[in-house]
Amino acid sequence: MPPSPQQQQDRQAQQRLAILSHAEEVTGNVSLTCRYYGISRNCFYKWQRRYQEQGIEGLRDRSSAPHHSPNATDADIVNKIVYLRQNYHFGPMKIRMYLQRYHDIDIACSAVYRILKRLGLNRLPASQRYKRHTRYEKQLPGNRMPASPHLNGKVDGAGRNGSRGRSMPGRRSRERAGCAGVRRRSGRRGSGP
């Protein structure tokens, strides 16, 4: 079983106390002790000052959290974000749009996501996630496909020209018009016969 955070801090404080005692008892030189343990002299003197003021408690790591956060999101906005996520399963973009449209609150999508992640709501449970539809897949191509005229081939009277009741102009229509001997010129302009 891994050691608890309290045990880790106690062990770290004991190691720092051993470094302080090494400088006093073994070497008598702060620079040699710092070089031996791979720490800076500023760090050594900081630990020494804390040990003289607070004892062994001063050698434990302090929290790096800020004392106050003036730009933090208000609690009522966080409550609205949590409500929309839990009751309507909205994502960050939809929550942002909803707050902007109906509550006149302008907040970034990334801020909404950060709040959801901090509260452990960034992933919906498997039962509430968007389910994608399965694709049409069969063992053989065309197996149990619905019958459709445009898939099965040519059907009389159907298609682009047949549905409009006219035929496409071709050789026979030119012959009827008396243009049987006239050939269309192919290629670029100015080319020979």
C-alpha atoms as a PDB file:
ATOM      1  CA  MET A   1       0.000   0.000   0.000  1.00  0.00           C
ATOM      2  CA  PRO A   2       1.470   3.389  -0.961  1.00  0.00           C
ATOM      3  CA  PRO A   3       2.177   5.873   1.810  1.00  0.00           C
ATOM      4  CA  SER A   4      -0.450   8.486   2.568  1.00  0.00           C
ATOM      5  CA  PRO A   5       0.221  12.174   1.792  1.00  0.00           C
ATOM      6  CA  GLN A   6       0.682  12.842   5.523  1.00  0.00           C
ATOM      7  CA  GLN A   7       3.348  10.126   5.736  1.00  0.00           C
ATOM      8  CA  GLN A   8       5.084  11.509   2.654  1.00  0.00           C
ATOM      9  CA  GLN A   9       5.223  15.000   4.188  1.00  0.00           C
ATOM     10  CA  ASP A  10       6.566  13.599   7.476  1.00  0.00           C
ATOM     11  CA  ARG A  11       9.282  11.697   5.619  1.00  0.00           C
ATOM     12  CA  GLN A  12      10.189  14.815   3.594  1.00  0.00           C
ATOM     13  CA  ALA A  13      10.408  16.941   6.753  1.00  0.00           C
ATOM     14  CA  GLN A  14      12.737  14.345   8.333  1.00  0.00           C
ATOM     15  CA  GLN A  15      14.991  14.407   5.244  1.00  0.00           C
ATOM     16  CA  ARG A  16      15.215  18.193   5.376  1.00  0.00           C
ATOM     17  CA  LEU A  17      16.042  18.060   9.093  1.00  0.00           C
ATOM     18  CA  ALA A  18      18.813  15.555   8.272  1.00  0.00           C
ATOM     19  CA  ILE A  19      20.245  18.009   5.723  1.00  0.00           C
ATOM     20  CA  LEU A  20      20.237  20.804   8.312  1.00  0.00           C
ATOM     21  CA  SER A  21      21.927  18.597  10.906  1.00  0.00           C
ATOM     22  CA  HIS A  22      24.492  17.404   8.321  1.00  0.00           C
ATOM     23  CA  ALA A  23      25.586  20.993   7.721  1.00  0.00           C
ATOM     24  CA  GLU A  24      25.973  21.653  11.460  1.00  0.00           C
ATOM     25  CA  GLU A  25      27.476  18.374  12.671  1.00  0.00           C
ATOM     26  CA  VAL A  26      29.312  16.678   9.771  1.00  0.00           C
ATOM     27  CA  THR A  27      30.748  19.277   7.431  1.00  0.00           C
ATOM     28  CA  GLY A  28      30.266  22.540   9.259  1.00  0.00           C
ATOM     29  CA  ASN A  29      30.067  24.099   5.780  1.00  0.00           C
ATOM     30  CA  VAL A  30      26.755  25.044   4.153  1.00  0.00           C
ATOM     31  CA  SER A  31      28.178  25.164   0.615  1.00  0.00           C
ATOM     32  CA  LEU A  32      29.575  21.617   0.794  1.00  0.00           C
ATOM     33  CA  THR A  33      26.337  20.261   2.248  1.00  0.00           C
ATOM     34  CA  CYS A  34      24.245  21.977  -0.445  1.00  0.00           C
ATOM     35  CA  ARG A  35      26.523  20.655  -3.181  1.00  0.00           C
ATOM     36  CA  TYR A  36      26.384  17.138  -1.701  1.00  0.00           C
ATOM     37  CA  TYR A  37      22.556  17.077  -1.513  1.00  0.00           C
ATOM     38  CA  GLY A  38      22.008  19.015  -4.759  1.00  0.00           C
ATOM     39  CA  ILE A  39      20.087  21.971  -3.325  1.00  0.00           C
ATOM     40  CA  SER A  40      20.712  25.702  -3.461  1.00  0.00           C
ATOM     41  CA  ARG A  41      21.983  27.709  -0.499  1.00  0.00           C
ATOM     42  CA  ASN A  42      18.862  29.895  -0.660  1.00  0.00           C
ATOM     43  CA  CYS A  43      16.732  26.800  -0.168  1.00  0.00           C
ATOM     44  CA  PHE A  44      18.947  25.648   2.743  1.00  0.00           C
ATOM     45  CA  TYR A  45      18.683  28.986   4.525  1.00  0.00           C
ATOM     46  CA  LYS A  46      14.922  29.107   3.930  1.00  0.00           C
ATOM     47  CA  TRP A  47      14.534  25.675   5.581  1.00  0.00           C
ATOM     48  CA  GLN A  48      16.841  26.738   8.428  1.00  0.00           C
ATOM     49  CA  ARG A  49      14.841  29.910   9.065  1.00  0.00           C
ATOM     50  CA  ARG A  50      11.529  27.991   9.054  1.00  0.00           C
ATOM     51  CA  TYR A  51      12.929  25.323  11.404  1.00  0.00           C
ATOM     52  CA  GLN A  52      14.097  27.970  13.885  1.00  0.00           C
ATOM     53  CA  GLU A  53      10.698  29.725  13.789  1.00  0.00           C
ATOM     54  CA  GLN A  54       8.228  26.797  13.610  1.00  0.00           C
ATOM     55  CA  GLY A  55      10.153  23.617  14.381  1.00  0.00           C
ATOM     56  CA  ILE A  56       9.570  20.423  12.405  1.00  0.00           C
ATOM     57  CA  GLU A  57       6.215  21.761  11.070  1.00  0.00           C
ATOM     58  CA  GLY A  58       8.098  24.496   9.218  1.00  0.00           C
ATOM     59  CA  LEU A  59       9.959  21.902   7.127  1.00  0.00           C
ATOM     60  CA  ARG A  60       6.781  20.519   5.564  1.00  0.00           C
ATOM     61  CA  ASP A  61       5.663  21.701   2.135  1.00  0.00           C
ATOM     62  CA  ARG A  62       3.184  24.546   2.174  1.00  0.00           C
ATOM     63  CA  SER A  63       0.187  24.804  -0.097  1.00  0.00           C
ATOM     64  CA  SER A  64       0.815  26.607  -3.367  1.00  0.00           C
ATOM     65  CA  ALA A  65      -2.866  27.513  -3.780  1.00  0.00           C
ATOM     66  CA  PRO A  66      -3.602  31.234  -3.942  1.00  0.00           C
ATOM     67  CA  HIS A  67      -5.043  32.905  -0.854  1.00  0.00           C
ATOM     68  CA  HIS A  68      -7.766  34.556  -2.922  1.00  0.00           C
ATOM     69  CA  SER A  69      -8.820  34.436  -6.581  1.00  0.00           C
ATOM     70  CA  PRO A  70     -10.466  37.713  -7.600  1.00  0.00           C
ATOM     71  CA  ASN A  71     -11.139  36.533 -11.179  1.00  0.00           C
ATOM     72  CA  ALA A  72     -12.776  33.242 -10.203  1.00  0.00           C
ATOM     73  CA  THR A  73     -16.191  32.440 -11.688  1.00  0.00           C
ATOM     74  CA  ASP A  74     -19.076  33.359  -9.377  1.00  0.00           C
ATOM     75  CA  ALA A  75     -20.740  30.555  -7.437  1.00  0.00           C
ATOM     76  CA  ASP A  76     -24.184  31.211  -8.968  1.00  0.00           C
ATOM     77  CA  ILE A  77     -22.762  30.846 -12.487  1.00  0.00           C
ATOM     78  CA  VAL A  78     -21.054  27.589 -11.471  1.00  0.00           C
ATOM     79  CA  ASN A  79     -24.379  26.368 -10.050  1.00  0.00           C
ATOM     80  CA  LYS A  80     -26.144  27.177 -13.355  1.00  0.00           C
ATOM     81  CA  ILE A  81     -23.453  25.309 -15.319  1.00  0.00           C
ATOM     82  CA  VAL A  82     -23.790  22.257 -13.064  1.00  0.00           C
ATOM     83  CA  TYR A  83     -27.603  22.387 -13.309  1.00  0.00           C
ATOM     84  CA  LEU A  84     -27.548  22.507 -17.114  1.00  0.00           C
ATOM     85  CA  ARG A  85     -25.042  19.663 -17.288  1.00  0.00           C
ATOM     86  CA  GLN A  86     -26.843  17.351 -14.873  1.00  0.00           C
ATOM     87  CA  ASN A  87     -30.425  17.980 -15.993  1.00  0.00           C
ATOM     88  CA  TYR A  88     -30.076  18.627 -19.730  1.00  0.00           C
ATOM     89  CA  HIS A  89     -26.719  16.923 -20.488  1.00  0.00           C
ATOM     90  CA  PHE A  90     -25.493  19.996 -22.383  1.00  0.00           C
ATOM     91  CA  GLY A  91     -21.880  20.227 -23.494  1.00  0.00           C
ATOM     92  CA  PRO A  92     -19.636  23.273 -22.941  1.00  0.00           C
ATOM     93  CA  MET A  93     -20.620  24.994 -26.196  1.00  0.00           C
ATOM     94  CA  LYS A  94     -24.332  24.577 -25.615  1.00  0.00           C
ATOM     95  CA  ILE A  95     -24.025  25.709 -21.986  1.00  0.00           C
ATOM     96  CA  ARG A  96     -22.153  28.818 -23.141  1.00  0.00           C
ATOM     97  CA  MET A  97     -24.835  29.579 -25.755  1.00  0.00           C
ATOM     98  CA  TYR A  98     -27.652  29.020 -23.240  1.00  0.00           C
ATOM     99  CA  LEU A  99     -26.090  31.279 -20.588  1.00  0.00           C
ATOM    100  CA  GLN A 100     -25.406  33.996 -23.137  1.00  0.00           C
ATOM    101  CA  ARG A 101     -28.868  33.893 -24.693  1.00  0.00           C
ATOM    102  CA  TYR A 102     -31.117  33.458 -21.669  1.00  0.00           C
ATOM    103  CA  HIS A 103     -29.066  34.836 -18.746  1.00  0.00           C
ATOM    104  CA  ASP A 104     -26.898  37.435 -20.529  1.00  0.00           C
ATOM    105  CA  ILE A 105     -23.754  35.821 -19.080  1.00  0.00           C
ATOM    106  CA  ASP A 106     -20.684  35.874 -21.313  1.00  0.00           C
ATOM    107  CA  ILE A 107     -18.327  32.991 -20.494  1.00  0.00           C
ATOM    108  CA  ALA A 108     -15.872  31.081 -22.678  1.00  0.00           C
ATOM    109  CA  CYS A 109     -16.370  27.430 -23.645  1.00  0.00           C
ATOM    110  CA  SER A 110     -12.965  26.624 -22.193  1.00  0.00           C
ATOM    111  CA  ALA A 111     -14.000  28.118 -18.843  1.00  0.00           C
ATOM    112  CA  VAL A 112     -17.176  26.023 -18.831  1.00  0.00           C
ATOM    113  CA  TYR A 113     -15.158  22.897 -19.607  1.00  0.00           C
ATOM    114  CA  ARG A 114     -12.616  23.728 -16.899  1.00  0.00           C
ATOM    115  CA  ILE A 115     -15.408  24.086 -14.327  1.00  0.00           C
ATOM    116  CA  LEU A 116     -16.999  20.797 -15.411  1.00  0.00           C
ATOM    117  CA  LYS A 117     -13.657  19.007 -15.277  1.00  0.00           C
ATOM    118  CA  ARG A 118     -12.838  20.405 -11.830  1.00  0.00           C
ATOM    119  CA  LEU A 119     -16.181  19.096 -10.537  1.00  0.00           C
ATOM    120  CA  GLY A 120     -15.819  15.717 -12.267  1.00  0.00           C
ATOM    121  CA  LEU A 121     -18.694  16.333 -14.702  1.00  0.00           C
ATOM    122  CA  ASN A 122     -16.683  16.518 -17.917  1.00  0.00           C
ATOM    123  CA  ARG A 123     -17.727  12.983 -19.004  1.00  0.00           C
ATOM    124  CA  LEU A 124     -21.336  11.889 -19.046  1.00  0.00           C
ATOM    125  CA  PRO A 125     -22.189   8.366 -17.866  1.00  0.00           C
ATOM    126  CA  ALA A 126     -22.330   5.767 -20.640  1.00  0.00           C
ATOM    127  CA  SER A 127     -26.131   5.618 -20.485  1.00  0.00           C
ATOM    128  CA  GLN A 128     -26.453   9.361 -21.174  1.00  0.00           C
ATOM    129  CA  ARG A 129     -23.881   9.770 -23.949  1.00  0.00           C
ATOM    130  CA  TYR A 130     -24.819  10.403 -27.575  1.00  0.00           C
ATOM    131  CA  LYS A 131     -25.272   7.056 -29.286  1.00  0.00           C
ATOM    132  CA  ARG A 132     -24.234   6.871 -32.916  1.00  0.00           C
ATOM    133  CA  HIS A 133     -26.314   4.846 -35.321  1.00  0.00           C
ATOM    134  CA  THR A 134     -24.743   1.686 -36.646  1.00  0.00           C
ATOM    135  CA  ARG A 135     -23.904   1.665 -40.336  1.00  0.00           C
ATOM    136  CA  TYR A 136     -25.639  -0.564 -42.849  1.00  0.00           C
ATOM    137  CA  GLU A 137     -23.259  -3.502 -43.179  1.00  0.00           C
ATOM    138  CA  LYS A 138     -24.005  -6.887 -44.704  1.00  0.00           C
ATOM    139  CA  GLN A 139     -21.892  -9.911 -45.588  1.00  0.00           C
ATOM    140  CA  LEU A 140     -22.461  -9.537 -49.343  1.00  0.00           C
ATOM    141  CA  PRO A 141     -22.741  -6.241 -51.202  1.00  0.00           C
ATOM    142  CA  GLY A 142     -26.375  -5.462 -52.008  1.00  0.00           C
ATOM    143  CA  ASN A 143     -27.739  -8.040 -49.618  1.00  0.00           C
ATOM    144  CA  ARG A 144     -31.338  -7.091 -48.781  1.00  0.00           C
ATOM    145  CA  MET A 145     -31.103  -3.702 -50.413  1.00  0.00           C
ATOM    146  CA  PRO A 146     -34.399  -1.989 -51.125  1.00  0.00           C
ATOM    147  CA  ALA A 147     -35.511  -2.094 -54.766  1.00  0.00           C
ATOM    148  CA  SER A 148     -35.069   1.265 -56.432  1.00  0.00           C
ATOM    149  CA  PRO A 149     -35.230   2.159 -60.149  1.00  0.00           C
ATOM    150  CA  HIS A 150     -32.079   4.265 -60.110  1.00  0.00           C
ATOM    151  CA  LEU A 151     -30.057   1.404 -58.618  1.00  0.00           C
ATOM    152  CA  ASN A 152     -31.343  -1.494 -60.732  1.00  0.00           C
ATOM    153  CA  GLY A 153     -30.651  -0.092 -64.189  1.00  0.00           C
ATOM    154  CA  LYS A 154     -32.558   1.587 -67.007  1.00  0.00           C
ATOM    155  CA  VAL A 155     -36.331   1.708 -66.748  1.00  0.00           C
ATOM    156  CA  ASP A 156     -38.448   2.958 -69.656  1.00  0.00           C
ATOM    157  CA  GLY A 157     -39.831   6.419 -69.147  1.00  0.00           C
ATOM    158  CA  ALA A 158     -37.635   7.087 -66.124  1.00  0.00           C
ATOM    159  CA  GLY A 159     -34.507   9.099 -65.887  1.00  0.00           C
ATOM    160  CA  ARG A 160     -33.425  12.626 -66.657  1.00  0.00           C
ATOM    161  CA  ASN A 161     -34.853  13.048 -70.150  1.00  0.00           C
ATOM    162  CA  GLY A 162     -37.612  10.480 -70.058  1.00  0.00           C
ATOM    163  CA  SER A 163     -39.337  12.108 -67.126  1.00  0.00           C
ATOM    164  CA  ARG A 164     -39.620  15.408 -69.036  1.00  0.00           C
ATOM    165  CA  GLY A 165     -41.119  13.823 -72.156  1.00  0.00           C
ATOM    166  CA  ARG A 166     -38.381  14.820 -74.610  1.00  0.00           C
ATOM    167  CA  SER A 167     -35.385  13.061 -75.997  1.00  0.00           C
ATOM    168  CA  MET A 168     -31.847  14.238 -76.071  1.00  0.00           C
ATOM    169  CA  PRO A 169     -30.779  15.826 -79.358  1.00  0.00           C
ATOM    170  CA  GLY A 170     -28.604  13.405 -81.271  1.00  0.00           C
ATOM    171  CA  ARG A 171     -27.897  12.147 -84.765  1.00  0.00           C
ATOM    172  CA  ARG A 172     -31.481  11.144 -85.594  1.00  0.00           C
ATOM    173  CA  SER A 173     -32.943  14.497 -84.644  1.00  0.00           C
ATOM    174  CA  ARG A 174     -30.378  16.220 -86.888  1.00  0.00           C
ATOM    175  CA  GLU A 175     -31.313  13.921 -89.787  1.00  0.00           C
ATOM    176  CA  ARG A 176     -34.990  14.833 -89.367  1.00  0.00           C
ATOM    177  CA  ALA A 177     -34.096  18.505 -89.473  1.00  0.00           C
ATOM    178  CA  GLY A 178     -32.306  18.106 -92.813  1.00  0.00           C
ATOM    179  CA  CYS A 179     -28.782  18.447 -91.485  1.00  0.00           C
ATOM    180  CA  ALA A 180     -27.632  14.915 -92.245  1.00  0.00           C
ATOM    181  CA  GLY A 181     -24.659  15.934 -94.378  1.00  0.00           C
ATOM    182  CA  VAL A 182     -23.406  18.642 -92.029  1.00  0.00           C
ATOM    183  CA  ARG A 183     -20.765  17.540 -89.527  1.00  0.00           C
ATOM    184  CA  ARG A 184     -19.866  19.404 -86.421  1.00  0.00           C
ATOM    185  CA  ARG A 185     -16.437  20.930 -86.341  1.00  0.00           C
ATOM    186  CA  SER A 186     -14.231  19.464 -83.641  1.00  0.00           C
ATOM    187  CA  GLY A 187     -11.172  20.921 -82.072  1.00  0.00           C
ATOM    188  CA  ARG A 188     -10.056  24.517 -81.820  1.00  0.00           C
ATOM    189  CA  ARG A 189     -11.145  27.358 -84.014  1.00  0.00           C
ATOM    190  CA  GLY A 190      -9.109  27.960 -87.070  1.00  0.00           C
ATOM    191  CA  SER A 191      -8.083  24.354 -87.539  1.00  0.00           C
ATOM    192  CA  GLY A 192      -8.372  22.794 -90.975  1.00  0.00           C
ATOM    193  CA  PRO A 193     -11.258  20.676 -92.379  1.00  0.00           C
END
